[in-house]
């Protein structure tokens, strides 16, 4: 009985956690740097590509059995979100950046 109750409590606790993928959908183009960090936390990587600031967030799976992951990227210019989503940022031409979706 204790195992069943423990499993139920753990399931409820994990159900209340939001993944990076769920949190990133609450961003809007034009969101500020502060809003991004308040929503997603500190990025796992930050780099500059031309005039753009690129934040990378690694998906954090709660299951030890999970073998897949998705990286999420937020591209900002002048401290505001230009684009965001799953995938990694890649230079596009001389003055642009695009997010390349992960391969399925």
N, C-alpha and C. Protein backbone atom coordinates (compact mmCIF):
# COMPACT_ATOMS: atom_id res chain seq x y z
N UNK A 1 0.83 -1.19 0.00
CA UNK A 1 0.00 0.00 0.00
C UNK A 1 0.87 1.26 0.00
N UNK A 2 2.00 1.21 0.75
CA UNK A 2 2.87 2.37 0.79
C UNK A 2 3.48 2.65 -0.59
N UNK A 3 3.79 1.59 -1.32
CA UNK A 3 4.36 1.78 -2.66
C UNK A 3 3.36 2.43 -3.59
N UNK A 4 2.12 2.02 -3.50
CA UNK A 4 1.07 2.59 -4.35
C UNK A 4 0.90 4.07 -4.03
N UNK A 5 0.86 4.41 -2.76
CA UNK A 5 0.71 5.82 -2.35
C UNK A 5 1.93 6.63 -2.79
N UNK A 6 3.11 6.07 -2.64
CA UNK A 6 4.33 6.76 -3.06
C UNK A 6 4.34 7.02 -4.56
N UNK A 7 3.92 6.02 -5.32
CA UNK A 7 3.87 6.16 -6.77
C UNK A 7 2.83 7.21 -7.18
N UNK A 8 1.71 7.23 -6.49
CA UNK A 8 0.67 8.21 -6.79
C UNK A 8 1.14 9.63 -6.49
N UNK A 9 1.82 9.82 -5.37
CA UNK A 9 2.34 11.14 -5.02
C UNK A 9 3.38 11.58 -6.04
N UNK A 10 4.25 10.68 -6.44
CA UNK A 10 5.27 11.00 -7.43
C UNK A 10 4.64 11.36 -8.78
N UNK A 11 3.64 10.63 -9.19
CA UNK A 11 2.96 10.91 -10.47
C UNK A 11 2.32 12.29 -10.46
N UNK A 12 1.68 12.64 -9.36
CA UNK A 12 1.05 13.96 -9.24
C UNK A 12 2.11 15.06 -9.26
N UNK A 13 3.21 14.84 -8.57
CA UNK A 13 4.28 15.85 -8.53
C UNK A 13 4.87 16.06 -9.92
N UNK A 14 5.11 14.99 -10.65
CA UNK A 14 5.69 15.12 -11.98
C UNK A 14 4.70 15.69 -12.98
N UNK A 15 3.44 15.42 -12.81
CA UNK A 15 2.42 15.97 -13.71
C UNK A 15 2.36 17.49 -13.59
N UNK A 16 2.69 18.02 -12.43
CA UNK A 16 2.67 19.46 -12.23
C UNK A 16 3.87 20.16 -12.80
N UNK A 17 4.91 19.44 -13.17
CA UNK A 17 6.12 20.05 -13.73
C UNK A 17 5.91 20.32 -15.22
N UNK A 18 6.37 21.47 -15.66
CA UNK A 18 6.27 21.81 -17.07
C UNK A 18 7.62 21.59 -17.72
N UNK A 19 7.60 21.03 -18.91
CA UNK A 19 8.84 20.81 -19.64
C UNK A 19 9.22 22.09 -20.37
N UNK A 20 10.45 22.14 -20.85
CA UNK A 20 10.91 23.29 -21.61
C UNK A 20 10.01 23.52 -22.82
N UNK A 21 9.62 22.45 -23.48
CA UNK A 21 8.74 22.56 -24.64
C UNK A 21 7.40 23.18 -24.32
N UNK A 22 6.86 22.89 -23.15
CA UNK A 22 5.59 23.48 -22.74
C UNK A 22 5.78 24.95 -22.36
N UNK A 23 6.87 25.24 -21.68
CA UNK A 23 7.11 26.62 -21.23
C UNK A 23 7.39 27.56 -22.40
N UNK A 24 8.12 27.07 -23.40
CA UNK A 24 8.51 27.95 -24.51
C UNK A 24 7.31 28.44 -25.30
N UNK A 25 6.22 27.68 -25.28
CA UNK A 25 5.03 28.09 -26.02
C UNK A 25 4.36 29.32 -25.41
N UNK A 26 4.74 29.68 -24.19
CA UNK A 26 4.15 30.87 -23.56
C UNK A 26 4.88 32.15 -23.96
N UNK A 27 6.00 32.03 -24.67
CA UNK A 27 6.72 33.21 -25.15
C UNK A 27 6.00 33.80 -26.36
N UNK A 28 6.26 35.06 -26.60
CA UNK A 28 5.74 35.75 -27.77
C UNK A 28 6.89 36.49 -28.45
N UNK A 29 6.84 36.64 -29.78
CA UNK A 29 7.83 37.51 -30.41
C UNK A 29 7.74 38.89 -29.77
N UNK A 30 8.87 39.45 -29.46
CA UNK A 30 8.90 40.74 -28.78
C UNK A 30 9.07 40.65 -27.28
N UNK A 31 8.97 39.43 -26.72
CA UNK A 31 9.20 39.25 -25.28
C UNK A 31 10.61 39.72 -24.94
N UNK A 32 10.77 40.25 -23.75
CA UNK A 32 12.09 40.76 -23.34
C UNK A 32 12.98 39.62 -22.85
N UNK A 33 14.28 39.91 -22.76
CA UNK A 33 15.26 38.97 -22.23
C UNK A 33 14.85 38.52 -20.83
N UNK A 34 14.40 39.47 -20.02
CA UNK A 34 13.99 39.16 -18.65
C UNK A 34 12.80 38.20 -18.62
N UNK A 35 11.86 38.38 -19.54
CA UNK A 35 10.71 37.47 -19.61
C UNK A 35 11.15 36.06 -20.01
N UNK A 36 12.10 35.97 -20.93
CA UNK A 36 12.60 34.67 -21.36
C UNK A 36 13.22 33.94 -20.19
N UNK A 37 14.09 34.63 -19.45
CA UNK A 37 14.77 33.99 -18.32
C UNK A 37 13.79 33.67 -17.20
N UNK A 38 12.80 34.52 -16.98
CA UNK A 38 11.79 34.23 -15.96
C UNK A 38 10.96 33.01 -16.34
N UNK A 39 10.71 32.82 -17.62
CA UNK A 39 9.88 31.71 -18.09
C UNK A 39 10.67 30.41 -18.20
N UNK A 40 11.85 30.48 -18.81
CA UNK A 40 12.61 29.26 -19.11
C UNK A 40 13.79 29.01 -18.19
N UNK A 41 14.20 30.03 -17.43
CA UNK A 41 15.37 29.89 -16.58
C UNK A 41 16.62 30.28 -17.35
N UNK A 42 17.77 30.08 -16.72
CA UNK A 42 19.03 30.40 -17.37
C UNK A 42 19.27 29.42 -18.52
N UNK A 43 19.71 29.93 -19.67
CA UNK A 43 19.96 29.04 -20.81
C UNK A 43 21.17 28.14 -20.56
N UNK A 44 21.17 27.00 -21.22
CA UNK A 44 22.31 26.09 -21.13
C UNK A 44 23.49 26.59 -21.95
N UNK A 45 23.21 27.38 -22.97
CA UNK A 45 24.27 27.96 -23.79
C UNK A 45 23.80 29.31 -24.33
N UNK A 46 24.74 30.24 -24.43
CA UNK A 46 24.47 31.56 -25.01
C UNK A 46 25.57 31.84 -26.01
N UNK A 47 25.19 32.30 -27.19
CA UNK A 47 26.20 32.69 -28.17
C UNK A 47 25.67 33.86 -28.99
N UNK A 48 26.58 34.54 -29.63
CA UNK A 48 26.24 35.67 -30.47
C UNK A 48 26.50 35.28 -31.91
N UNK A 49 25.51 35.54 -32.76
CA UNK A 49 25.63 35.28 -34.19
C UNK A 49 25.28 36.60 -34.88
N UNK A 50 26.28 37.32 -35.31
CA UNK A 50 26.04 38.64 -35.91
C UNK A 50 25.42 39.56 -34.88
N UNK A 51 24.27 40.13 -35.22
CA UNK A 51 23.55 41.04 -34.31
C UNK A 51 22.58 40.30 -33.39
N UNK A 52 22.58 38.98 -33.45
CA UNK A 52 21.61 38.19 -32.70
C UNK A 52 22.24 37.53 -31.49
N UNK A 53 21.45 37.40 -30.45
CA UNK A 53 21.83 36.64 -29.26
C UNK A 53 21.03 35.34 -29.31
N UNK A 54 21.71 34.21 -29.17
CA UNK A 54 21.05 32.92 -29.31
C UNK A 54 21.14 32.17 -27.99
N UNK A 55 19.98 31.85 -27.40
CA UNK A 55 19.91 31.07 -26.17
C UNK A 55 19.50 29.65 -26.53
N UNK A 56 20.22 28.67 -26.01
CA UNK A 56 19.89 27.27 -26.25
C UNK A 56 19.51 26.62 -24.93
N UNK A 57 18.40 25.91 -24.94
CA UNK A 57 17.91 25.17 -23.77
C UNK A 57 17.85 23.70 -24.14
N UNK A 58 18.44 22.86 -23.32
CA UNK A 58 18.40 21.43 -23.55
C UNK A 58 17.16 20.86 -22.87
N UNK A 59 16.45 20.00 -23.58
CA UNK A 59 15.25 19.38 -23.00
C UNK A 59 15.68 18.51 -21.84
N UNK A 60 14.96 18.61 -20.78
CA UNK A 60 15.27 17.81 -19.59
C UNK A 60 14.16 16.80 -19.37
N UNK A 61 14.45 15.55 -19.71
CA UNK A 61 13.47 14.49 -19.53
C UNK A 61 13.55 13.96 -18.11
N UNK A 62 12.42 13.73 -17.54
CA UNK A 62 12.36 13.23 -16.17
C UNK A 62 12.58 11.72 -16.10
N UNK A 63 12.40 11.02 -17.20
CA UNK A 63 12.50 9.57 -17.21
C UNK A 63 13.92 9.12 -17.53
N UNK A 64 14.41 8.19 -16.78
CA UNK A 64 15.73 7.63 -17.07
C UNK A 64 15.68 6.73 -18.29
N UNK A 65 14.50 6.33 -18.69
CA UNK A 65 14.34 5.43 -19.82
C UNK A 65 14.31 6.19 -21.15
N UNK A 66 14.14 7.49 -21.10
CA UNK A 66 14.04 8.29 -22.31
C UNK A 66 15.39 8.38 -23.00
N UNK A 67 15.41 8.09 -24.29
CA UNK A 67 16.65 8.17 -25.05
C UNK A 67 16.60 9.32 -26.06
N UNK A 68 15.51 10.03 -26.13
CA UNK A 68 15.38 11.15 -27.06
C UNK A 68 15.49 12.46 -26.30
N UNK A 69 15.86 13.49 -27.02
CA UNK A 69 15.88 14.82 -26.44
C UNK A 69 15.63 15.84 -27.55
N UNK A 70 15.21 17.01 -27.17
CA UNK A 70 14.99 18.10 -28.10
C UNK A 70 15.63 19.34 -27.52
N UNK A 71 16.42 20.02 -28.31
CA UNK A 71 16.97 21.30 -27.90
C UNK A 71 16.01 22.39 -28.36
N UNK A 72 15.91 23.44 -27.56
CA UNK A 72 15.05 24.57 -27.89
C UNK A 72 15.91 25.81 -27.98
N UNK A 73 15.58 26.68 -28.91
CA UNK A 73 16.37 27.87 -29.16
C UNK A 73 15.50 29.11 -29.12
N UNK A 74 16.05 30.17 -28.54
CA UNK A 74 15.42 31.48 -28.55
C UNK A 74 16.41 32.43 -29.20
N UNK A 75 15.97 33.11 -30.26
CA UNK A 75 16.82 34.07 -30.97
C UNK A 75 16.32 35.46 -30.63
N UNK A 76 17.25 36.30 -30.15
CA UNK A 76 16.88 37.65 -29.76
C UNK A 76 17.72 38.68 -30.51
N UNK A 77 17.13 39.84 -30.71
CA UNK A 77 17.85 40.96 -31.29
C UNK A 77 17.44 42.19 -30.49
N UNK A 78 18.42 42.95 -30.08
CA UNK A 78 18.19 44.15 -29.27
C UNK A 78 17.41 43.83 -28.00
N UNK A 79 17.67 42.65 -27.41
CA UNK A 79 17.05 42.28 -26.14
C UNK A 79 15.62 41.81 -26.22
N UNK A 80 15.12 41.54 -27.44
CA UNK A 80 13.74 41.07 -27.61
C UNK A 80 13.71 39.83 -28.50
N UNK A 81 12.77 38.96 -28.22
CA UNK A 81 12.62 37.70 -28.95
C UNK A 81 12.22 37.96 -30.40
N UNK A 82 12.98 37.37 -31.30
CA UNK A 82 12.66 37.42 -32.73
C UNK A 82 11.97 36.13 -33.16
N UNK A 83 12.51 34.99 -32.68
CA UNK A 83 11.93 33.69 -32.99
C UNK A 83 12.34 32.69 -31.92
N UNK A 84 11.59 31.61 -31.83
CA UNK A 84 11.88 30.58 -30.84
C UNK A 84 11.25 29.28 -31.29
N UNK A 85 11.78 28.16 -30.78
CA UNK A 85 11.19 26.87 -31.09
C UNK A 85 12.19 25.75 -30.96
N UNK A 86 11.74 24.53 -31.29
CA UNK A 86 12.63 23.38 -31.20
C UNK A 86 13.65 23.42 -32.33
N UNK A 87 14.87 23.03 -32.03
CA UNK A 87 15.93 23.00 -33.03
C UNK A 87 17.09 23.87 -32.61
N UNK A 88 18.06 23.98 -33.51
CA UNK A 88 19.26 24.75 -33.22
C UNK A 88 19.38 25.90 -34.22
N UNK A 89 19.97 27.00 -33.76
CA UNK A 89 20.13 28.18 -34.61
C UNK A 89 21.26 27.96 -35.60
N UNK A 90 21.04 28.50 -36.79
CA UNK A 90 22.04 28.41 -37.85
C UNK A 90 22.02 29.74 -38.60
N UNK A 91 23.21 30.20 -38.98
CA UNK A 91 23.30 31.45 -39.74
C UNK A 91 22.57 31.28 -41.07
N UNK A 92 21.83 32.33 -41.45
CA UNK A 92 21.12 32.33 -42.73
C UNK A 92 21.60 33.55 -43.51
N UNK A 93 22.43 33.32 -44.47
CA UNK A 93 22.99 34.42 -45.23
C UNK A 93 23.97 35.22 -44.38
N UNK A 94 24.17 36.47 -44.75
CA UNK A 94 25.12 37.31 -44.03
C UNK A 94 24.54 37.95 -42.77
N UNK A 95 23.24 38.21 -42.77
CA UNK A 95 22.67 38.98 -41.68
C UNK A 95 21.46 38.33 -41.03
N UNK A 96 21.34 37.04 -41.09
CA UNK A 96 20.17 36.39 -40.54
C UNK A 96 20.51 35.13 -39.76
N UNK A 97 19.53 34.71 -38.99
CA UNK A 97 19.62 33.47 -38.22
C UNK A 97 18.28 32.76 -38.35
N UNK A 98 18.33 31.46 -38.50
CA UNK A 98 17.10 30.66 -38.53
C UNK A 98 17.26 29.46 -37.62
N UNK A 99 16.14 28.96 -37.14
CA UNK A 99 16.14 27.78 -36.29
C UNK A 99 15.87 26.58 -37.19
N UNK A 100 16.80 25.65 -37.17
CA UNK A 100 16.67 24.42 -37.96
C UNK A 100 16.01 23.37 -37.08
N UNK A 101 14.79 22.93 -37.45
CA UNK A 101 14.10 21.93 -36.63
C UNK A 101 14.87 20.62 -36.54
N UNK A 102 14.68 19.88 -35.44
CA UNK A 102 15.37 18.60 -35.30
C UNK A 102 14.85 17.60 -36.33
N UNK A 103 15.73 16.67 -36.72
CA UNK A 103 15.31 15.62 -37.64
C UNK A 103 14.44 14.63 -36.92
N UNK A 104 13.42 14.18 -37.59
CA UNK A 104 12.50 13.22 -36.97
C UNK A 104 12.98 11.82 -37.10
